[in-house]
Amino acid sequence: MIHIGLNHYLIVSSLLFSLGIFAVITRKNAIMVLMGIELILNSANINFVAFARYGNFGLTGQLTALFVIILAAAEAAIAMAIVLNIYKMFTNINVDEIDTLKD
């Protein structure tokens, strides 16, 4: 029987973080960039909870992860509003092609 320890959580978290960074760097679509940022935030949450569990830090890791989830939800709502506004102005959401701001 395999005992799941801190190393397993750190490996999953590092894979999620790497996929998030890859998505942010390589994608041109603004929604895909936002999904990459969400992956990065989820990898940080896994680290918070894992270190709280295996480091005997009490509930500080879970509370920090909850705070990050709340911030991610607010960030997603604001970012989607910005993306919809950009689409209304330019009829495009590619990050590379939007280089001018209108008044």
PDB file of N, CA and C in Angstrom:
ATOM      1  N   MET A   1       0.835  -1.181   0.000  1.00  0.00           N
ATOM      2  CA  MET A   1       0.000   0.000   0.000  1.00  0.00           C
ATOM      3  C   MET A   1       0.882   1.246   0.000  1.00  0.00           C
ATOM      4  N   ILE A   2       0.552   2.199  -0.830  1.00  0.00           N
ATOM      5  CA  ILE A   2       1.342   3.415  -0.955  1.00  0.00           C
ATOM      6  C   ILE A   2       0.843   4.451   0.034  1.00  0.00           C
ATOM      7  N   HIS A   3       1.785   5.003   0.773  1.00  0.00           N
ATOM      8  CA  HIS A   3       1.447   6.088   1.700  1.00  0.00           C
ATOM      9  C   HIS A   3       1.648   7.419   0.979  1.00  0.00           C
ATOM     10  N   ILE A   4       0.596   8.207   0.893  1.00  0.00           N
ATOM     11  CA  ILE A   4       0.682   9.497   0.216  1.00  0.00           C
ATOM     12  C   ILE A   4       1.233  10.515   1.198  1.00  0.00           C
ATOM     13  N   GLY A   5       2.362  11.081   0.851  1.00  0.00           N
ATOM     14  CA  GLY A   5       3.026  12.029   1.726  1.00  0.00           C
ATOM     15  C   GLY A   5       3.135  13.405   1.100  1.00  0.00           C
ATOM     16  N   LEU A   6       3.921  14.229   1.731  1.00  0.00           N
ATOM     17  CA  LEU A   6       4.096  15.611   1.285  1.00  0.00           C
ATOM     18  C   LEU A   6       4.702  15.680  -0.112  1.00  0.00           C
ATOM     19  N   ASN A   7       5.614  14.765  -0.415  1.00  0.00           N
ATOM     20  CA  ASN A   7       6.260  14.785  -1.739  1.00  0.00           C
ATOM     21  C   ASN A   7       5.255  14.605  -2.868  1.00  0.00           C
ATOM     22  N   HIS A   8       4.255  13.772  -2.662  1.00  0.00           N
ATOM     23  CA  HIS A   8       3.251  13.560  -3.701  1.00  0.00           C
ATOM     24  C   HIS A   8       2.469  14.844  -3.980  1.00  0.00           C
ATOM     25  N   TYR A   9       2.101  15.535  -2.919  1.00  0.00           N
ATOM     26  CA  TYR A   9       1.385  16.808  -3.096  1.00  0.00           C
ATOM     27  C   TYR A   9       2.264  17.839  -3.792  1.00  0.00           C
ATOM     28  N   LEU A  10       3.540  17.867  -3.435  1.00  0.00           N
ATOM     29  CA  LEU A  10       4.439  18.832  -4.059  1.00  0.00           C
ATOM     30  C   LEU A  10       4.663  18.526  -5.535  1.00  0.00           C
ATOM     31  N   ILE A  11       4.683  17.259  -5.882  1.00  0.00           N
ATOM     32  CA  ILE A  11       4.845  16.889  -7.297  1.00  0.00           C
ATOM     33  C   ILE A  11       3.616  17.313  -8.097  1.00  0.00           C
ATOM     34  N   VAL A  12       2.423  17.022  -7.570  1.00  0.00           N
ATOM     35  CA  VAL A  12       1.192  17.434  -8.265  1.00  0.00           C
ATOM     36  C   VAL A  12       1.132  18.951  -8.381  1.00  0.00           C
ATOM     37  N   SER A  13       1.509  19.637  -7.309  1.00  0.00           N
ATOM     38  CA  SER A  13       1.490  21.100  -7.328  1.00  0.00           C
ATOM     39  C   SER A  13       2.484  21.659  -8.339  1.00  0.00           C
ATOM     40  N   SER A  14       3.669  21.075  -8.411  1.00  0.00           N
ATOM     41  CA  SER A  14       4.649  21.575  -9.375  1.00  0.00           C
ATOM     42  C   SER A  14       4.215  21.311 -10.810  1.00  0.00           C
ATOM     43  N   LEU A  15       3.541  20.179 -11.050  1.00  0.00           N
ATOM     44  CA  LEU A  15       3.012  19.918 -12.395  1.00  0.00           C
ATOM     45  C   LEU A  15       1.927  20.925 -12.772  1.00  0.00           C
ATOM     46  N   LEU A  16       1.018  21.209 -11.831  1.00  0.00           N
ATOM     47  CA  LEU A  16      -0.020  22.211 -12.096  1.00  0.00           C
ATOM     48  C   LEU A  16       0.591  23.585 -12.344  1.00  0.00           C
ATOM     49  N   PHE A  17       1.592  23.942 -11.536  1.00  0.00           N
ATOM     50  CA  PHE A  17       2.247  25.238 -11.711  1.00  0.00           C
ATOM     51  C   PHE A  17       2.925  25.322 -13.074  1.00  0.00           C
ATOM     52  N   SER A  18       3.607  24.244 -13.469  1.00  0.00           N
ATOM     53  CA  SER A  18       4.284  24.239 -14.774  1.00  0.00           C
ATOM     54  C   SER A  18       3.284  24.347 -15.920  1.00  0.00           C
ATOM     55  N   LEU A  19       2.167  23.626 -15.815  1.00  0.00           N
ATOM     56  CA  LEU A  19       1.140  23.733 -16.855  1.00  0.00           C
ATOM     57  C   LEU A  19       0.535  25.132 -16.898  1.00  0.00           C
ATOM     58  N   GLY A  20       0.358  25.750 -15.735  1.00  0.00           N
ATOM     59  CA  GLY A  20      -0.164  27.110 -15.689  1.00  0.00           C
ATOM     60  C   GLY A  20       0.775  28.113 -16.329  1.00  0.00           C
ATOM     61  N   ILE A  21       2.055  28.007 -16.005  1.00  0.00           N
ATOM     62  CA  ILE A  21       3.052  28.904 -16.618  1.00  0.00           C
ATOM     63  C   ILE A  21       3.107  28.685 -18.119  1.00  0.00           C
ATOM     64  N   PHE A  22       3.053  27.424 -18.546  1.00  0.00           N
ATOM     65  CA  PHE A  22       3.054  27.120 -19.981  1.00  0.00           C
ATOM     66  C   PHE A  22       1.857  27.752 -20.674  1.00  0.00           C
ATOM     67  N   ALA A  23       0.685  27.671 -20.036  1.00  0.00           N
ATOM     68  CA  ALA A  23      -0.525  28.249 -20.633  1.00  0.00           C
ATOM     69  C   ALA A  23      -0.442  29.765 -20.701  1.00  0.00           C
ATOM     70  N   VAL A  24       0.095  30.395 -19.672  1.00  0.00           N
ATOM     71  CA  VAL A  24       0.195  31.857 -19.674  1.00  0.00           C
ATOM     72  C   VAL A  24       1.167  32.336 -20.742  1.00  0.00           C
ATOM     73  N   ILE A  25       2.274  31.621 -20.897  1.00  0.00           N
ATOM     74  CA  ILE A  25       3.313  32.069 -21.839  1.00  0.00           C
ATOM     75  C   ILE A  25       2.937  31.790 -23.292  1.00  0.00           C
ATOM     76  N   THR A  26       2.325  30.643 -23.556  1.00  0.00           N
ATOM     77  CA  THR A  26       2.134  30.241 -24.951  1.00  0.00           C
ATOM     78  C   THR A  26       0.792  30.625 -25.554  1.00  0.00           C
ATOM     79  N   ARG A  27      -0.206  30.874 -24.759  1.00  0.00           N
ATOM     80  CA  ARG A  27      -1.540  31.132 -25.304  1.00  0.00           C
ATOM     81  C   ARG A  27      -1.723  32.591 -25.674  1.00  0.00           C
ATOM     82  N   LYS A  28      -2.441  32.809 -26.757  1.00  0.00           N
ATOM     83  CA  LYS A  28      -2.751  34.168 -27.198  1.00  0.00           C
ATOM     84  C   LYS A  28      -4.157  34.580 -26.800  1.00  0.00           C
ATOM     85  N   ASN A  29      -5.011  33.618 -26.546  1.00  0.00           N
ATOM     86  CA  ASN A  29      -6.387  33.876 -26.171  1.00  0.00           C
ATOM     87  C   ASN A  29      -6.432  34.317 -24.703  1.00  0.00           C
ATOM     88  N   ALA A  30      -7.122  35.398 -24.430  1.00  0.00           N
ATOM     89  CA  ALA A  30      -7.149  35.949 -23.073  1.00  0.00           C
ATOM     90  C   ALA A  30      -7.809  34.996 -22.082  1.00  0.00           C
ATOM     91  N   ILE A  31      -8.802  34.247 -22.519  1.00  0.00           N
ATOM     92  CA  ILE A  31      -9.470  33.306 -21.621  1.00  0.00           C
ATOM     93  C   ILE A  31      -8.536  32.154 -21.265  1.00  0.00           C
ATOM     94  N   MET A  32      -7.741  31.705 -22.192  1.00  0.00           N
ATOM     95  CA  MET A  32      -6.777  30.651 -21.896  1.00  0.00           C
ATOM     96  C   MET A  32      -5.690  31.143 -20.950  1.00  0.00           C
ATOM     97  N   VAL A  33      -5.298  32.400 -21.065  1.00  0.00           N
ATOM     98  CA  VAL A  33      -4.330  32.977 -20.129  1.00  0.00           C
ATOM     99  C   VAL A  33      -4.934  33.015 -18.727  1.00  0.00           C
ATOM    100  N   LEU A  34      -6.195  33.372 -18.626  1.00  0.00           N
ATOM    101  CA  LEU A  34      -6.862  33.374 -17.323  1.00  0.00           C
ATOM    102  C   LEU A  34      -6.952  31.966 -16.736  1.00  0.00           C
ATOM    103  N   MET A  35      -7.175  30.979 -17.579  1.00  0.00           N
ATOM    104  CA  MET A  35      -7.199  29.601 -17.087  1.00  0.00           C
ATOM    105  C   MET A  35      -5.829  29.177 -16.586  1.00  0.00           C
ATOM    106  N   GLY A  36      -4.765  29.638 -17.229  1.00  0.00           N
ATOM    107  CA  GLY A  36      -3.415  29.354 -16.749  1.00  0.00           C
ATOM    108  C   GLY A  36      -3.150  29.992 -15.395  1.00  0.00           C
ATOM    109  N   ILE A  37      -3.642  31.207 -15.208  1.00  0.00           N
ATOM    110  CA  ILE A  37      -3.486  31.867 -13.910  1.00  0.00           C
ATOM    111  C   ILE A  37      -4.244  31.106 -12.831  1.00  0.00           C
ATOM    112  N   GLU A  38      -5.416  30.586 -13.169  1.00  0.00           N
ATOM    113  CA  GLU A  38      -6.174  29.781 -12.205  1.00  0.00           C
ATOM    114  C   GLU A  38      -5.423  28.506 -11.842  1.00  0.00           C
ATOM    115  N   LEU A  39      -4.753  27.895 -12.799  1.00  0.00           N
ATOM    116  CA  LEU A  39      -3.938  26.714 -12.489  1.00  0.00           C
ATOM    117  C   LEU A  39      -2.805  27.059 -11.527  1.00  0.00           C
ATOM    118  N   ILE A  40      -2.193  28.191 -11.734  1.00  0.00           N
ATOM    119  CA  ILE A  40      -1.112  28.622 -10.843  1.00  0.00           C
ATOM    120  C   ILE A  40      -1.644  28.849  -9.429  1.00  0.00           C
ATOM    121  N   LEU A  41      -2.793  29.485  -9.312  1.00  0.00           N
ATOM    122  CA  LEU A  41      -3.372  29.713  -7.995  1.00  0.00           C
ATOM    123  C   LEU A  41      -3.778  28.401  -7.323  1.00  0.00           C
ATOM    124  N   ASN A  42      -4.287  27.445  -8.096  1.00  0.00           N
ATOM    125  CA  ASN A  42      -4.649  26.147  -7.518  1.00  0.00           C
ATOM    126  C   ASN A  42      -3.423  25.378  -7.047  1.00  0.00           C
ATOM    127  N   SER A  43      -2.314  25.513  -7.753  1.00  0.00           N
ATOM    128  CA  SER A  43      -1.091  24.847  -7.286  1.00  0.00           C
ATOM    129  C   SER A  43      -0.612  25.460  -5.976  1.00  0.00           C
ATOM    130  N   ALA A  44      -0.762  26.760  -5.822  1.00  0.00           N
ATOM    131  CA  ALA A  44      -0.408  27.391  -4.550  1.00  0.00           C
ATOM    132  C   ALA A  44      -1.329  26.910  -3.431  1.00  0.00           C
ATOM    133  N   ASN A  45      -2.612  26.720  -3.731  1.00  0.00           N
ATOM    134  CA  ASN A  45      -3.545  26.205  -2.729  1.00  0.00           C
ATOM    135  C   ASN A  45      -3.168  24.797  -2.274  1.00  0.00           C
ATOM    136  N   ILE A  46      -2.764  23.958  -3.208  1.00  0.00           N
ATOM    137  CA  ILE A  46      -2.336  22.607  -2.832  1.00  0.00           C
ATOM    138  C   ILE A  46      -1.141  22.680  -1.892  1.00  0.00           C
ATOM    139  N   ASN A  47      -0.206  23.576  -2.180  1.00  0.00           N
ATOM    140  CA  ASN A  47       0.953  23.727  -1.296  1.00  0.00           C
ATOM    141  C   ASN A  47       0.540  24.222   0.083  1.00  0.00           C
ATOM    142  N   PHE A  48      -0.346  25.199   0.152  1.00  0.00           N
ATOM    143  CA  PHE A  48      -0.792  25.711   1.447  1.00  0.00           C
ATOM    144  C   PHE A  48      -1.403  24.611   2.298  1.00  0.00           C
ATOM    145  N   VAL A  49      -2.306  23.843   1.701  1.00  0.00           N
ATOM    146  CA  VAL A  49      -3.007  22.801   2.450  1.00  0.00           C
ATOM    147  C   VAL A  49      -2.054  21.657   2.816  1.00  0.00           C
ATOM    148  N   ALA A  50      -1.176  21.276   1.909  1.00  0.00           N
ATOM    149  CA  ALA A  50      -0.241  20.186   2.194  1.00  0.00           C
ATOM    150  C   ALA A  50       0.731  20.562   3.303  1.00  0.00           C
ATOM    151  N   PHE A  51       1.265  21.773   3.258  1.00  0.00           N
ATOM    152  CA  PHE A  51       2.190  22.179   4.311  1.00  0.00           C
ATOM    153  C   PHE A  51       1.478  22.362   5.639  1.00  0.00           C
ATOM    154  N   ALA A  52       0.226  22.773   5.611  1.00  0.00           N
ATOM    155  CA  ALA A  52      -0.538  22.882   6.856  1.00  0.00           C
ATOM    156  C   ALA A  52      -0.781  21.496   7.444  1.00  0.00           C
ATOM    157  N   ARG A  53      -1.018  20.512   6.579  1.00  0.00           N
ATOM    158  CA  ARG A  53      -1.298  19.156   7.061  1.00  0.00           C
ATOM    159  C   ARG A  53      -0.041  18.473   7.581  1.00  0.00           C
ATOM    160  N   TYR A  54       1.032  18.517   6.818  1.00  0.00           N
ATOM    161  CA  TYR A  54       2.233  17.780   7.178  1.00  0.00           C
ATOM    162  C   TYR A  54       3.217  18.601   8.004  1.00  0.00           C
ATOM    163  N   GLY A  55       3.021  19.893   8.089  1.00  0.00           N
ATOM    164  CA  GLY A  55       3.913  20.730   8.872  1.00  0.00           C
ATOM    165  C   GLY A  55       3.366  21.087  10.240  1.00  0.00           C
ATOM    166  N   ASN A  56       2.146  20.585  10.555  1.00  0.00           N
ATOM    167  CA  ASN A  56       1.505  20.854  11.845  1.00  0.00           C
ATOM    168  C   ASN A  56       1.397  22.353  12.133  1.00  0.00           C
ATOM    169  N   PHE A  57       0.910  23.102  11.131  1.00  0.00           N
ATOM    170  CA  PHE A  57       0.730  24.538  11.293  1.00  0.00           C
ATOM    171  C   PHE A  57      -0.701  24.899  11.686  1.00  0.00           C
ATOM    172  N   GLY A  58      -1.513  23.924  11.991  1.00  0.00           N
ATOM    173  CA  GLY A  58      -2.895  24.201  12.360  1.00  0.00           C
ATOM    174  C   GLY A  58      -3.734  24.490  11.131  1.00  0.00           C
ATOM    175  N   LEU A  59      -4.639  25.432  11.264  1.00  0.00           N
ATOM    176  CA  LEU A  59      -5.547  25.770  10.177  1.00  0.00           C
ATOM    177  C   LEU A  59      -5.077  26.941   9.321  1.00  0.00           C
ATOM    178  N   THR A  60      -3.869  27.409   9.522  1.00  0.00           N
ATOM    179  CA  THR A  60      -3.421  28.580   8.755  1.00  0.00           C
ATOM    180  C   THR A  60      -3.343  28.298   7.259  1.00  0.00           C
ATOM    181  N   GLY A  61      -2.933  27.097   6.872  1.00  0.00           N
ATOM    182  CA  GLY A  61      -2.864  26.757   5.454  1.00  0.00           C
ATOM    183  C   GLY A  61      -4.232  26.704   4.817  1.00  0.00           C
ATOM    184  N   GLN A  62      -5.199  26.112   5.524  1.00  0.00           N
ATOM    185  CA  GLN A  62      -6.554  26.033   4.984  1.00  0.00           C
ATOM    186  C   GLN A  62      -7.181  27.416   4.892  1.00  0.00           C
ATOM    187  N   LEU A  63      -6.948  28.258   5.873  1.00  0.00           N
ATOM    188  CA  LEU A  63      -7.499  29.612   5.832  1.00  0.00           C
ATOM    189  C   LEU A  63      -6.868  30.433   4.716  1.00  0.00           C
ATOM    190  N   THR A  64      -5.579  30.262   4.522  1.00  0.00           N
ATOM    191  CA  THR A  64      -4.910  30.968   3.424  1.00  0.00           C
ATOM    192  C   THR A  64      -5.427  30.474   2.077  1.00  0.00           C
ATOM    193  N   ALA A  65      -5.627  29.157   1.943  1.00  0.00           N
ATOM    194  CA  ALA A  65      -6.172  28.607   0.698  1.00  0.00           C
ATOM    195  C   ALA A  65      -7.579  29.128   0.446  1.00  0.00           C
ATOM    196  N   LEU A  66      -8.385  29.228   1.492  1.00  0.00           N
ATOM    197  CA  LEU A  66      -9.735  29.781   1.336  1.00  0.00           C
ATOM    198  C   LEU A  66      -9.674  31.232   0.880  1.00  0.00           C
ATOM    199  N   PHE A  67      -8.753  32.009   1.446  1.00  0.00           N
ATOM    200  CA  PHE A  67      -8.576  33.401   1.033  1.00  0.00           C
ATOM    201  C   PHE A  67      -8.153  33.487  -0.432  1.00  0.00           C
ATOM    202  N   VAL A  68      -7.258  32.596  -0.860  1.00  0.00           N
ATOM    203  CA  VAL A  68      -6.814  32.588  -2.261  1.00  0.00           C
ATOM    204  C   VAL A  68      -7.973  32.212  -3.181  1.00  0.00           C
ATOM    205  N   ILE A  69      -8.832  31.292  -2.768  1.00  0.00           N
ATOM    206  CA  ILE A  69      -9.987  30.912  -3.586  1.00  0.00           C
ATOM    207  C   ILE A  69     -10.933  32.097  -3.746  1.00  0.00           C
ATOM    208  N   ILE A  70     -11.154  32.833  -2.663  1.00  0.00           N
ATOM    209  CA  ILE A  70     -12.019  34.014  -2.734  1.00  0.00           C
ATOM    210  C   ILE A  70     -11.421  35.061  -3.668  1.00  0.00           C
ATOM    211  N   LEU A  71     -10.110  35.294  -3.557  1.00  0.00           N
ATOM    212  CA  LEU A  71      -9.457  36.253  -4.449  1.00  0.00           C
ATOM    213  C   LEU A  71      -9.500  35.785  -5.900  1.00  0.00           C
ATOM    214  N   ALA A  72      -9.350  34.480  -6.129  1.00  0.00           N
ATOM    215  CA  ALA A  72      -9.402  33.956  -7.497  1.00  0.00           C
ATOM    216  C   ALA A  72     -10.786  34.132  -8.109  1.00  0.00           C
ATOM    217  N   ALA A  73     -11.822  33.953  -7.309  1.00  0.00           N
ATOM    218  CA  ALA A  73     -13.187  34.156  -7.818  1.00  0.00           C
ATOM    219  C   ALA A  73     -13.412  35.615  -8.185  1.00  0.00           C
ATOM    220  N   ALA A  74     -12.942  36.521  -7.341  1.00  0.00           N
ATOM    221  CA  ALA A  74     -13.078  37.946  -7.644  1.00  0.00           C
ATOM    222  C   ALA A  74     -12.256  38.315  -8.874  1.00  0.00           C
ATOM    223  N   GLU A  75     -11.062  37.767  -8.966  1.00  0.00           N
ATOM    224  CA  GLU A  75     -10.196  38.041 -10.123  1.00  0.00           C
ATOM    225  C   GLU A  75     -10.827  37.520 -11.405  1.00  0.00           C
ATOM    226  N   ALA A  76     -11.431  36.342 -11.344  1.00  0.00           N
ATOM    227  CA  ALA A  76     -12.059  35.777 -12.537  1.00  0.00           C
ATOM    228  C   ALA A  76     -13.247  36.617 -12.985  1.00  0.00           C
ATOM    229  N   ALA A  77     -14.033  37.106 -12.042  1.00  0.00           N
ATOM    230  CA  ALA A  77     -15.193  37.930 -12.402  1.00  0.00           C
ATOM    231  C   ALA A  77     -14.756  39.241 -13.047  1.00  0.00           C
ATOM    232  N   ILE A  78     -13.773  39.888 -12.465  1.00  0.00           N
ATOM    233  CA  ILE A  78     -13.290  41.157 -13.022  1.00  0.00           C
ATOM    234  C   ILE A  78     -12.603  40.931 -14.367  1.00  0.00           C
ATOM    235  N   ALA A  79     -11.797  39.875 -14.462  1.00  0.00           N
ATOM    236  CA  ALA A  79     -11.090  39.603 -15.714  1.00  0.00           C
ATOM    237  C   ALA A  79     -12.067  39.260 -16.839  1.00  0.00           C
ATOM    238  N   MET A  80     -13.113  38.513 -16.519  1.00  0.00           N
ATOM    239  CA  MET A  80     -14.097  38.197 -17.558  1.00  0.00           C
ATOM    240  C   MET A  80     -14.844  39.445 -18.010  1.00  0.00           C
ATOM    241  N   ALA A  81     -15.108  40.364 -17.092  1.00  0.00           N
ATOM    242  CA  ALA A  81     -15.741  41.622 -17.480  1.00  0.00           C
ATOM    243  C   ALA A  81     -14.823  42.417 -18.405  1.00  0.00           C
ATOM    244  N   ILE A  82     -13.540  42.420 -18.100  1.00  0.00           N
ATOM    245  CA  ILE A  82     -12.579  43.125 -18.959  1.00  0.00           C
ATOM    246  C   ILE A  82     -12.496  42.451 -20.327  1.00  0.00           C
ATOM    247  N   VAL A  83     -12.459  41.125 -20.359  1.00  0.00           N
ATOM    248  CA  VAL A  83     -12.377  40.403 -21.629  1.00  0.00           C
ATOM    249  C   VAL A  83     -13.630  40.654 -22.472  1.00  0.00           C
ATOM    250  N   LEU A  84     -14.799  40.649 -21.854  1.00  0.00           N
ATOM    251  CA  LEU A  84     -16.023  40.939 -22.605  1.00  0.00           C
ATOM    252  C   LEU A  84     -16.038  42.363 -23.147  1.00  0.00           C
ATOM    253  N   ASN A  85     -15.521  43.296 -22.367  1.00  0.00           N
ATOM    254  CA  ASN A  85     -15.424  44.681 -22.832  1.00  0.00           C
ATOM    255  C   ASN A  85     -14.439  44.804 -23.989  1.00  0.00           C
ATOM    256  N   ILE A  86     -13.332  44.103 -23.907  1.00  0.00           N
ATOM    257  CA  ILE A  86     -12.354  44.115 -25.004  1.00  0.00           C
ATOM    258  C   ILE A  86     -12.961  43.491 -26.252  1.00  0.00           C
ATOM    259  N   TYR A  87     -13.719  42.409 -26.089  1.00  0.00           N
ATOM    260  CA  TYR A  87     -14.350  41.788 -27.247  1.00  0.00           C
ATOM    261  C   TYR A  87     -15.373  42.716 -27.892  1.00  0.00           C
ATOM    262  N   LYS A  88     -16.087  43.468 -27.063  1.00  0.00           N
ATOM    263  CA  LYS A  88     -17.070  44.404 -27.601  1.00  0.00           C
ATOM    264  C   LYS A  88     -16.387  45.515 -28.402  1.00  0.00           C
ATOM    265  N   MET A  89     -15.213  45.939 -27.955  1.00  0.00           N
ATOM    266  CA  MET A  89     -14.511  47.032 -28.654  1.00  0.00           C
ATOM    267  C   MET A  89     -13.783  46.558 -29.903  1.00  0.00           C
ATOM    268  N   PHE A  90     -13.108  45.411 -29.811  1.00  0.00           N
ATOM    269  CA  PHE A  90     -12.220  44.987 -30.888  1.00  0.00           C
ATOM    270  C   PHE A  90     -12.719  43.762 -31.648  1.00  0.00           C
ATOM    271  N   THR A  91     -13.766  43.103 -31.193  1.00  0.00           N
ATOM    272  CA  THR A  91     -14.274  41.837 -31.719  1.00  0.00           C
ATOM    273  C   THR A  91     -13.176  40.783 -31.813  1.00  0.00           C
ATOM    274  N   ASN A  92     -12.285  40.814 -30.836  1.00  0.00           N
ATOM    275  CA  ASN A  92     -11.157  39.902 -30.796  1.00  0.00           C
ATOM    276  C   ASN A  92     -10.665  39.826 -29.355  1.00  0.00           C
ATOM    277  N   ILE A  93     -10.243  38.648 -28.912  1.00  0.00           N
ATOM    278  CA  ILE A  93      -9.694  38.548 -27.562  1.00  0.00           C
ATOM    279  C   ILE A  93      -8.269  38.006 -27.556  1.00  0.00           C
ATOM    280  N   ASN A  94      -7.601  38.047 -28.704  1.00  0.00           N
ATOM    281  CA  ASN A  94      -6.194  37.668 -28.743  1.00  0.00           C
ATOM    282  C   ASN A  94      -5.360  38.747 -28.089  1.00  0.00           C
ATOM    283  N   VAL A  95      -4.526  38.332 -27.152  1.00  0.00           N
ATOM    284  CA  VAL A  95      -3.737  39.280 -26.370  1.00  0.00           C
ATOM    285  C   VAL A  95      -2.725  40.012 -27.250  1.00  0.00           C
ATOM    286  N   ASP A  96      -2.183  39.333 -28.256  1.00  0.00           N
ATOM    287  CA  ASP A  96      -1.162  39.938 -29.119  1.00  0.00           C
ATOM    288  C   ASP A  96      -1.721  41.056 -29.986  1.00  0.00           C
ATOM    289  N   GLU A  97      -2.965  40.943 -30.399  1.00  0.00           N
ATOM    290  CA  GLU A  97      -3.514  41.883 -31.368  1.00  0.00           C
ATOM    291  C   GLU A  97      -4.152  43.120 -30.734  1.00  0.00           C
ATOM    292  N   ILE A  98      -4.294  43.129 -29.429  1.00  0.00           N
ATOM    293  CA  ILE A  98      -4.905  44.262 -28.759  1.00  0.00           C
ATOM    294  C   ILE A  98      -3.790  45.110 -28.159  1.00  0.00           C
ATOM    295  N   ASP A  99      -3.419  46.159 -28.881  1.00  0.00           N
ATOM    296  CA  ASP A  99      -2.305  46.986 -28.414  1.00  0.00           C
ATOM    297  C   ASP A  99      -2.685  48.454 -28.263  1.00  0.00           C
ATOM    298  N   THR A 100      -3.917  48.800 -28.556  1.00  0.00           N
ATOM    299  CA  THR A 100      -4.330  50.179 -28.406  1.00  0.00           C
ATOM    300  C   THR A 100      -5.520  50.270 -27.468  1.00  0.00           C
ATOM    301  N   LEU A 101      -5.606  51.347 -26.743  1.00  0.00           N
ATOM    302  CA  LEU A 101      -6.730  51.585 -25.852  1.00  0.00           C
ATOM    303  C   LEU A 101      -7.547  52.746 -26.415  1.00  0.00           C
ATOM    304  N   LYS A 102      -8.852  52.604 -26.348  1.00  0.00           N
ATOM    305  CA  LYS A 102      -9.713  53.685 -26.807  1.00  0.00           C
ATOM    306  C   LYS A 102     -10.212  54.457 -25.612  1.00  0.00           C
ATOM    307  N   ASP A 103     -10.531  55.718 -25.862  1.00  0.00           N
ATOM    308  CA  ASP A 103     -11.056  56.563 -24.783  1.00  0.00           C
ATOM    309  C   ASP A 103     -12.487  56.241 -24.474  1.00  0.00           C
TER     310      ASP A 103
END
